[in-house]
N, C-alpha and C. Protein backbone atom coordinates (compact mmCIF):
# COMPACT_ATOMS: atom_id res chain seq x y z
N MET A 1 116.32 -24.64 87.26
CA MET A 1 116.22 -23.62 88.26
C MET A 1 116.73 -22.30 87.73
N VAL A 2 117.69 -22.39 86.93
CA VAL A 2 118.24 -21.16 86.35
C VAL A 2 117.15 -20.51 85.52
N VAL A 3 116.39 -21.33 84.85
CA VAL A 3 115.34 -20.76 84.01
C VAL A 3 114.31 -20.09 84.89
N VAL A 4 114.00 -20.67 85.98
CA VAL A 4 113.01 -20.08 86.89
C VAL A 4 113.56 -18.79 87.45
N VAL A 5 114.80 -18.78 87.80
CA VAL A 5 115.40 -17.56 88.36
C VAL A 5 115.44 -16.51 87.27
N ALA A 6 115.81 -16.92 86.05
CA ALA A 6 115.87 -15.94 84.97
C ALA A 6 114.48 -15.41 84.68
N ALA A 7 113.51 -16.32 84.66
CA ALA A 7 112.14 -15.87 84.41
C ALA A 7 111.68 -14.96 85.52
N ALA A 8 112.02 -15.29 86.73
CA ALA A 8 111.65 -14.44 87.86
C ALA A 8 112.32 -13.10 87.74
N ALA A 9 113.59 -13.10 87.31
CA ALA A 9 114.31 -11.83 87.15
C ALA A 9 113.65 -11.00 86.08
N VAL A 10 113.24 -11.65 84.97
CA VAL A 10 112.57 -10.91 83.90
C VAL A 10 111.25 -10.37 84.41
N VAL A 11 110.52 -11.17 85.12
CA VAL A 11 109.22 -10.71 85.67
C VAL A 11 109.46 -9.55 86.63
N ILE A 12 110.46 -9.65 87.48
CA ILE A 12 110.76 -8.58 88.43
C ILE A 12 111.15 -7.33 87.66
N GLU A 13 111.97 -7.52 86.61
CA GLU A 13 112.37 -6.36 85.81
C GLU A 13 111.16 -5.71 85.19
N VAL A 14 110.30 -6.54 84.60
CA VAL A 14 109.10 -6.00 83.96
C VAL A 14 108.25 -5.29 85.00
N VAL A 15 108.08 -5.91 86.14
CA VAL A 15 107.28 -5.28 87.21
C VAL A 15 107.94 -3.97 87.64
N VAL A 16 109.26 -3.98 87.81
CA VAL A 16 109.97 -2.76 88.23
C VAL A 16 109.81 -1.69 87.16
N VAL A 17 109.95 -2.09 85.89
CA VAL A 17 109.81 -1.12 84.80
C VAL A 17 108.39 -0.57 84.80
N ILE A 18 107.41 -1.46 84.94
CA ILE A 18 106.02 -1.00 84.97
C ILE A 18 105.79 -0.06 86.15
N VAL A 19 106.30 -0.45 87.32
CA VAL A 19 106.14 0.39 88.51
C VAL A 19 106.82 1.73 88.28
N VAL A 20 108.04 1.71 87.72
CA VAL A 20 108.77 2.96 87.48
C VAL A 20 108.00 3.81 86.48
N VAL A 21 107.52 3.16 85.41
CA VAL A 21 106.76 3.91 84.40
C VAL A 21 105.51 4.49 85.03
N VAL A 22 104.80 3.68 85.80
CA VAL A 22 103.58 4.18 86.46
C VAL A 22 103.93 5.32 87.40
N VAL A 23 104.97 5.16 88.20
CA VAL A 23 105.37 6.23 89.14
C VAL A 23 105.75 7.48 88.37
N VAL A 24 106.53 7.31 87.29
CA VAL A 24 106.94 8.47 86.50
C VAL A 24 105.72 9.15 85.90
N VAL A 25 104.81 8.34 85.34
CA VAL A 25 103.60 8.91 84.75
C VAL A 25 102.79 9.63 85.81
N VAL A 26 102.62 9.01 86.96
CA VAL A 26 101.87 9.65 88.05
C VAL A 26 102.55 10.94 88.48
N VAL A 27 103.88 10.88 88.64
CA VAL A 27 104.62 12.09 89.05
C VAL A 27 104.48 13.17 88.00
N VAL A 28 104.61 12.79 86.72
CA VAL A 28 104.48 13.78 85.64
C VAL A 28 103.08 14.36 85.64
N VAL A 29 102.07 13.51 85.76
CA VAL A 29 100.68 14.00 85.79
C VAL A 29 100.47 14.91 86.98
N VAL A 30 100.98 14.50 88.14
CA VAL A 30 100.83 15.34 89.35
C VAL A 30 101.55 16.66 89.16
N VAL A 31 102.77 16.60 88.61
CA VAL A 31 103.53 17.84 88.39
C VAL A 31 102.78 18.73 87.41
N ILE A 32 102.26 18.13 86.33
CA ILE A 32 101.50 18.92 85.35
C ILE A 32 100.28 19.54 86.02
N LYS A 33 99.58 18.73 86.82
CA LYS A 33 98.40 19.25 87.52
C LYS A 33 98.80 20.39 88.47
N VAL A 34 99.90 20.17 89.20
CA VAL A 34 100.37 21.21 90.14
C VAL A 34 100.76 22.45 89.37
N VAL A 35 101.45 22.27 88.25
CA VAL A 35 101.85 23.43 87.44
C VAL A 35 100.62 24.14 86.91
N VAL A 36 99.64 23.37 86.43
CA VAL A 36 98.40 23.99 85.93
C VAL A 36 97.70 24.73 87.06
N VAL A 37 97.60 24.08 88.21
CA VAL A 37 96.96 24.74 89.36
C VAL A 37 97.76 25.97 89.76
N LEU A 38 99.09 25.84 89.78
CA LEU A 38 99.92 27.00 90.13
C LEU A 38 99.77 28.12 89.11
N GLU A 39 99.68 27.72 87.83
CA GLU A 39 99.45 28.75 86.81
C GLU A 39 98.12 29.47 87.05
N VAL A 40 97.11 28.69 87.35
CA VAL A 40 95.80 29.29 87.63
C VAL A 40 95.90 30.18 88.87
N VAL A 41 96.58 29.68 89.90
CA VAL A 41 96.73 30.47 91.12
C VAL A 41 97.52 31.73 90.83
N VAL A 42 98.61 31.60 90.06
CA VAL A 42 99.42 32.77 89.72
C VAL A 42 98.60 33.76 88.91
N VAL A 43 97.84 33.25 87.95
CA VAL A 43 96.99 34.14 87.15
C VAL A 43 95.97 34.84 88.04
N ILE A 44 95.35 34.09 88.93
CA ILE A 44 94.37 34.68 89.85
C ILE A 44 95.05 35.72 90.75
N VAL A 45 96.23 35.36 91.28
CA VAL A 45 96.95 36.30 92.15
C VAL A 45 97.33 37.55 91.37
N VAL A 46 97.83 37.36 90.14
CA VAL A 46 98.20 38.51 89.32
C VAL A 46 96.97 39.37 89.04
N LYS A 47 95.86 38.71 88.71
CA LYS A 47 94.63 39.46 88.45
C LYS A 47 94.18 40.21 89.71
N VAL A 48 94.24 39.54 90.84
CA VAL A 48 93.84 40.19 92.10
C VAL A 48 94.76 41.37 92.39
N VAL A 49 96.07 41.16 92.19
CA VAL A 49 97.02 42.25 92.43
C VAL A 49 96.74 43.41 91.47
N LEU A 50 96.48 43.08 90.21
CA LEU A 50 96.16 44.13 89.24
C LEU A 50 94.87 44.87 89.63
N VAL A 51 93.87 44.13 90.05
CA VAL A 51 92.62 44.77 90.48
C VAL A 51 92.87 45.65 91.69
N VAL A 52 93.65 45.16 92.64
CA VAL A 52 93.96 45.95 93.83
C VAL A 52 94.72 47.22 93.44
N VAL A 53 95.70 47.07 92.53
CA VAL A 53 96.47 48.23 92.08
C VAL A 53 95.55 49.24 91.39
N VAL A 54 94.68 48.73 90.51
CA VAL A 54 93.74 49.63 89.82
C VAL A 54 92.82 50.31 90.82
N VAL A 55 92.30 49.56 91.77
CA VAL A 55 91.42 50.15 92.79
C VAL A 55 92.16 51.21 93.59
N VAL A 56 93.40 50.92 93.98
CA VAL A 56 94.19 51.88 94.75
C VAL A 56 94.44 53.14 93.92
N VAL A 57 94.78 52.96 92.64
CA VAL A 57 95.02 54.12 91.77
C VAL A 57 93.73 54.93 91.62
N VAL A 58 92.61 54.24 91.41
CA VAL A 58 91.33 54.94 91.28
C VAL A 58 90.99 55.69 92.56
N VAL A 59 91.20 55.04 93.69
CA VAL A 59 90.93 55.70 94.98
C VAL A 59 91.82 56.92 95.15
N ILE A 60 93.10 56.80 94.80
CA ILE A 60 94.02 57.94 94.92
C ILE A 60 93.57 59.07 93.99
N VAL A 61 93.20 58.72 92.75
CA VAL A 61 92.74 59.75 91.82
C VAL A 61 91.46 60.41 92.35
N VAL A 62 90.54 59.61 92.85
CA VAL A 62 89.30 60.16 93.41
C VAL A 62 89.60 61.07 94.59
N ILE A 63 90.52 60.64 95.46
CA ILE A 63 90.89 61.46 96.62
C ILE A 63 91.50 62.77 96.15
N VAL A 64 92.39 62.70 95.17
CA VAL A 64 93.02 63.92 94.65
C VAL A 64 91.96 64.84 94.05
N VAL A 65 91.06 64.26 93.25
CA VAL A 65 89.99 65.08 92.64
C VAL A 65 89.11 65.68 93.72
N VAL A 66 88.74 64.88 94.71
CA VAL A 66 87.90 65.40 95.80
C VAL A 66 88.62 66.51 96.55
N VAL A 67 89.90 66.31 96.81
CA VAL A 67 90.67 67.35 97.52
C VAL A 67 90.73 68.62 96.70
N VAL A 68 90.98 68.48 95.40
CA VAL A 68 91.04 69.67 94.53
C VAL A 68 89.68 70.35 94.50
N VAL A 69 88.62 69.56 94.33
CA VAL A 69 87.26 70.14 94.31
C VAL A 69 86.96 70.80 95.65
N LEU A 70 87.32 70.13 96.74
CA LEU A 70 87.08 70.72 98.06
C LEU A 70 87.87 72.00 98.24
N GLU A 71 89.11 72.02 97.74
CA GLU A 71 89.89 73.25 97.84
C GLU A 71 89.21 74.37 97.08
N VAL A 72 88.73 74.06 95.87
CA VAL A 72 88.04 75.07 95.07
C VAL A 72 86.77 75.52 95.79
N VAL A 73 86.02 74.55 96.32
CA VAL A 73 84.78 74.88 97.04
C VAL A 73 85.10 75.73 98.26
N VAL A 74 86.14 75.34 99.00
CA VAL A 74 86.52 76.11 100.19
C VAL A 74 86.92 77.52 99.80
N VAL A 75 87.70 77.65 98.73
CA VAL A 75 88.11 78.99 98.29
C VAL A 75 86.89 79.80 97.89
N VAL A 76 85.98 79.19 97.14
CA VAL A 76 84.77 79.91 96.72
C VAL A 76 83.93 80.28 97.94
N VAL A 77 83.77 79.35 98.87
CA VAL A 77 82.99 79.64 100.08
C VAL A 77 83.64 80.76 100.88
N VAL A 78 84.96 80.71 101.01
CA VAL A 78 85.66 81.77 101.75
C VAL A 78 85.47 83.11 101.06
N ILE A 79 85.58 83.12 99.73
CA ILE A 79 85.40 84.38 98.99
C ILE A 79 83.97 84.89 99.18
N VAL A 80 82.99 84.00 99.08
CA VAL A 80 81.59 84.41 99.25
C VAL A 80 81.37 84.93 100.67
N VAL A 81 81.90 84.22 101.66
CA VAL A 81 81.74 84.67 103.05
C VAL A 81 82.39 86.03 103.26
N VAL A 82 83.59 86.21 102.71
CA VAL A 82 84.28 87.50 102.87
C VAL A 82 83.47 88.61 102.20
N VAL A 83 82.97 88.35 100.99
CA VAL A 83 82.17 89.37 100.30
C VAL A 83 80.90 89.68 101.08
N VAL A 84 80.23 88.64 101.58
CA VAL A 84 79.00 88.86 102.36
C VAL A 84 79.30 89.66 103.62
N VAL A 85 80.39 89.30 104.30
CA VAL A 85 80.76 90.03 105.52
C VAL A 85 81.08 91.49 105.20
N ILE A 86 81.81 91.71 104.11
CA ILE A 86 82.14 93.09 103.73
C ILE A 86 80.87 93.86 103.41
N VAL A 87 79.96 93.24 102.66
CA VAL A 87 78.70 93.91 102.32
C VAL A 87 77.90 94.21 103.59
N ILE A 88 77.84 93.25 104.50
CA ILE A 88 77.09 93.47 105.75
C ILE A 88 77.72 94.60 106.55
N VAL A 89 79.05 94.59 106.65
CA VAL A 89 79.74 95.65 107.40
C VAL A 89 79.49 97.01 106.76
N VAL A 90 79.58 97.07 105.43
CA VAL A 90 79.35 98.34 104.74
C VAL A 90 77.91 98.80 104.96
N VAL A 91 76.96 97.88 104.83
CA VAL A 91 75.55 98.25 105.03
C VAL A 91 75.33 98.72 106.46
N VAL A 92 75.89 97.99 107.43
CA VAL A 92 75.73 98.40 108.83
C VAL A 92 76.35 99.77 109.07
N VAL A 93 77.55 99.98 108.53
CA VAL A 93 78.21 101.28 108.72
C VAL A 93 77.38 102.39 108.08
N VAL A 94 76.89 102.14 106.86
CA VAL A 94 76.07 103.15 106.18
C VAL A 94 74.79 103.42 106.96
N VAL A 95 74.15 102.35 107.44
CA VAL A 95 72.91 102.52 108.22
C VAL A 95 73.19 103.28 109.51
N VAL A 96 74.29 102.90 110.18
CA VAL A 96 74.63 103.60 111.43
C VAL A 96 74.95 105.06 111.16
N LEU A 97 75.74 105.31 110.11
CA LEU A 97 76.05 106.71 109.78
C LEU A 97 74.79 107.47 109.40
N ALA A 98 73.92 106.84 108.62
CA ALA A 98 72.66 107.49 108.25
C ALA A 98 71.82 107.75 109.50
N ALA A 99 71.80 106.76 110.40
CA ALA A 99 71.04 106.95 111.64
C ALA A 99 71.64 108.08 112.46
N VAL A 100 72.97 108.13 112.52
CA VAL A 100 73.63 109.21 113.26
C VAL A 100 73.30 110.55 112.63
N VAL A 101 73.35 110.61 111.30
CA VAL A 101 73.02 111.86 110.61
C VAL A 101 71.56 112.23 110.86
N VAL A 102 70.67 111.25 110.73
CA VAL A 102 69.24 111.52 110.96
C VAL A 102 69.01 111.95 112.39
N VAL A 103 69.63 111.23 113.33
CA VAL A 103 69.48 111.61 114.74
C VAL A 103 70.07 113.00 114.98
N GLY A 104 71.23 113.25 114.35
CA GLY A 104 71.83 114.59 114.49
C GLY A 104 70.93 115.67 113.95
N VAL A 105 70.34 115.41 112.78
CA VAL A 105 69.42 116.39 112.19
C VAL A 105 68.19 116.55 113.08
N LEU A 106 67.67 115.42 113.56
CA LEU A 106 66.49 115.51 114.45
C LEU A 106 66.82 116.26 115.72
N VAL A 107 67.99 115.98 116.29
CA VAL A 107 68.40 116.70 117.50
C VAL A 107 68.56 118.18 117.20
N ALA A 108 69.16 118.49 116.05
CA ALA A 108 69.33 119.90 115.68
C ALA A 108 67.97 120.57 115.49
N VAL A 109 67.04 119.86 114.83
CA VAL A 109 65.70 120.42 114.63
C VAL A 109 65.00 120.61 115.96
N VAL A 110 65.09 119.60 116.83
CA VAL A 110 64.45 119.70 118.15
C VAL A 110 65.06 120.85 118.94
N LEU A 111 66.40 120.93 118.90
CA LEU A 111 67.05 122.03 119.62
C LEU A 111 66.65 123.38 119.04
N ALA A 112 66.56 123.46 117.72
CA ALA A 112 66.14 124.71 117.10
C ALA A 112 64.72 125.06 117.51
N VAL A 113 63.83 124.07 117.50
CA VAL A 113 62.44 124.30 117.93
C VAL A 113 62.41 124.73 119.38
N VAL A 114 63.20 124.03 120.22
CA VAL A 114 63.24 124.41 121.64
C VAL A 114 63.74 125.83 121.81
N VAL A 115 64.81 126.19 121.07
CA VAL A 115 65.35 127.55 121.17
C VAL A 115 64.31 128.56 120.71
N VAL A 116 63.63 128.27 119.61
CA VAL A 116 62.60 129.19 119.11
C VAL A 116 61.47 129.30 120.12
N VAL A 117 61.02 128.17 120.66
CA VAL A 117 59.93 128.19 121.64
C VAL A 117 60.35 128.97 122.88
N VAL A 118 61.58 128.69 123.35
CA VAL A 118 62.06 129.43 124.53
C VAL A 118 62.16 130.92 124.22
N ALA A 119 62.65 131.26 123.03
CA ALA A 119 62.75 132.67 122.66
C ALA A 119 61.38 133.31 122.59
N VAL A 120 60.42 132.59 121.99
CA VAL A 120 59.05 133.12 121.92
C VAL A 120 58.46 133.27 123.31
N VAL A 121 58.68 132.26 124.16
CA VAL A 121 58.17 132.34 125.54
C VAL A 121 58.80 133.52 126.27
N VAL A 122 60.11 133.69 126.10
CA VAL A 122 60.79 134.81 126.76
C VAL A 122 60.23 136.14 126.25
N VAL A 123 60.08 136.24 124.93
CA VAL A 123 59.52 137.48 124.37
C VAL A 123 58.11 137.71 124.88
N VAL A 124 57.30 136.65 124.89
CA VAL A 124 55.92 136.78 125.39
C VAL A 124 55.93 137.18 126.85
N VAL A 125 56.79 136.54 127.65
CA VAL A 125 56.86 136.88 129.08
C VAL A 125 57.30 138.33 129.25
N VAL A 126 58.32 138.74 128.48
CA VAL A 126 58.79 140.13 128.59
C VAL A 126 57.68 141.09 128.19
N VAL A 127 56.99 140.77 127.08
CA VAL A 127 55.89 141.64 126.63
C VAL A 127 54.79 141.68 127.68
N VAL A 128 54.45 140.50 128.22
CA VAL A 128 53.40 140.46 129.26
C VAL A 128 53.83 141.27 130.48
N VAL A 129 55.09 141.09 130.89
CA VAL A 129 55.58 141.83 132.06
C VAL A 129 55.54 143.33 131.77
N VAL A 130 56.00 143.71 130.59
CA VAL A 130 55.99 145.14 130.24
C VAL A 130 54.56 145.66 130.21
N VAL A 131 53.67 144.89 129.59
CA VAL A 131 52.26 145.31 129.54
C VAL A 131 51.68 145.41 130.93
N VAL A 132 51.97 144.40 131.77
CA VAL A 132 51.45 144.43 133.15
C VAL A 132 52.01 145.63 133.90
N VAL A 133 53.32 145.87 133.74
CA VAL A 133 53.93 147.02 134.43
C VAL A 133 53.30 148.32 133.94
N VAL A 134 53.12 148.43 132.63
CA VAL A 134 52.52 149.65 132.08
C VAL A 134 51.08 149.80 132.57
N VAL A 135 50.33 148.70 132.53
CA VAL A 135 48.93 148.76 132.99
C VAL A 135 48.88 149.11 134.46
N VAL A 136 49.73 148.46 135.26
CA VAL A 136 49.75 148.76 136.70
C VAL A 136 50.14 150.22 136.92
N ALA A 137 51.12 150.69 136.15
CA ALA A 137 51.55 152.09 136.31
C ALA A 137 50.43 153.04 135.92
N VAL A 138 49.77 152.73 134.82
CA VAL A 138 48.67 153.60 134.38
C VAL A 138 47.54 153.56 135.40
N VAL A 139 47.21 152.36 135.85
CA VAL A 139 46.15 152.25 136.87
C VAL A 139 46.56 152.99 138.13
N ALA A 140 47.81 152.85 138.52
CA ALA A 140 48.29 153.54 139.73
C ALA A 140 48.21 155.04 139.55
N VAL A 141 48.60 155.50 138.39
CA VAL A 141 48.55 156.94 138.13
C VAL A 141 47.10 157.42 138.13
N VAL A 142 46.26 156.63 137.47
CA VAL A 142 44.85 157.04 137.41
C VAL A 142 44.26 157.02 138.81
N VAL A 143 44.53 155.99 139.57
CA VAL A 143 43.99 155.90 140.94
C VAL A 143 44.57 157.02 141.79
N TYR A 144 45.86 157.20 141.68
CA TYR A 144 46.51 158.23 142.48
C TYR A 144 46.01 159.62 142.09
N ALA A 145 45.86 159.82 140.81
CA ALA A 145 45.42 161.14 140.35
C ALA A 145 43.97 161.37 140.73
N SER A 146 43.16 160.34 140.70
CA SER A 146 41.76 160.55 141.02
C SER A 146 41.53 160.67 142.52
N SER A 147 42.41 160.20 143.35
CA SER A 147 42.21 160.27 144.79
C SER A 147 42.57 161.63 145.35
N ASP A 148 43.41 162.33 144.73
CA ASP A 148 43.82 163.63 145.25
C ASP A 148 43.71 164.65 144.12
N SER A 149 42.88 165.66 144.35
CA SER A 149 42.64 166.63 143.29
C SER A 149 43.77 167.63 143.15
N ASN A 150 44.63 167.73 144.16
CA ASN A 150 45.72 168.70 144.10
C ASN A 150 46.95 168.18 143.38
N ILE A 151 46.95 166.95 142.96
CA ILE A 151 48.14 166.37 142.33
C ILE A 151 48.19 166.87 140.90
N ASN A 152 49.37 167.17 140.51
CA ASN A 152 49.56 167.55 139.11
C ASN A 152 50.67 166.70 138.52
N ILE A 153 50.94 166.94 137.29
CA ILE A 153 51.93 166.14 136.58
C ILE A 153 53.30 166.34 137.15
N THR A 154 53.63 167.50 137.64
CA THR A 154 54.95 167.77 138.19
C THR A 154 55.20 166.89 139.39
N LYS A 155 54.22 166.74 140.28
CA LYS A 155 54.39 165.89 141.45
C LYS A 155 54.60 164.43 141.03
N MET A 156 53.91 164.02 139.98
CA MET A 156 54.09 162.64 139.53
C MET A 156 55.52 162.42 139.06
N HIS A 157 56.09 163.42 138.39
CA HIS A 157 57.48 163.28 137.95
C HIS A 157 58.41 163.24 139.14
N LEU A 158 58.06 163.95 140.19
CA LEU A 158 58.90 163.95 141.38
C LEU A 158 58.88 162.59 142.06
N TYR A 159 57.76 161.95 142.05
CA TYR A 159 57.66 160.63 142.68
C TYR A 159 58.16 159.50 141.78
N GLY A 160 58.48 159.84 140.55
CA GLY A 160 58.98 158.82 139.62
C GLY A 160 57.89 158.07 138.91
N ILE A 161 56.72 158.70 138.85
CA ILE A 161 55.61 158.00 138.18
C ILE A 161 55.41 158.61 136.82
C-alpha cells in the first residue's frame, strides 16, 4: 500500500508539475500576447497622437498664414478703397468747381448780353423817341405855319416851338 500511495504521490506530483508548467506557459504566452497587443496599441496610439499633433500644428500654421494673408489683403483693399475714394472726391470737386466756373462764366456772358441788349434797346427807344418828338415838332411847326400866314419865327419862339 505504501508503494501505491508513493506511486500516487509521484503521479500527483507529476500531474501538479505538468499543470503548473502548463499554467505558467499559458500565462507567459498570454502575457506575451497582451504585451505584444499593448505594444501595438501603444504604437498605434502614439502614431495617432503624433498625427493629431501634426494636423493641429499644420492647421495652426495654415490659420496663421491665412490670417497674415487676410491682413495683407485687407490692408491692400483698404488702401485701394481709400485711393479710389480720394480720386473720386478730387474728380467730383474738380468737376463741380469746373461746372461752377463754367456756369459763372455763362451767367456772366448772359448778363453781359442782357446788359448790352437792354442798353441797345434803351438807346434805340431814346433815339426813336427823339426822332418821333422831332418829327412831331417839325410836322406841328409845318402844319401850324401853313395854317396861318401871319405867323413868323418870332411867334414860334414865344410859344416854345
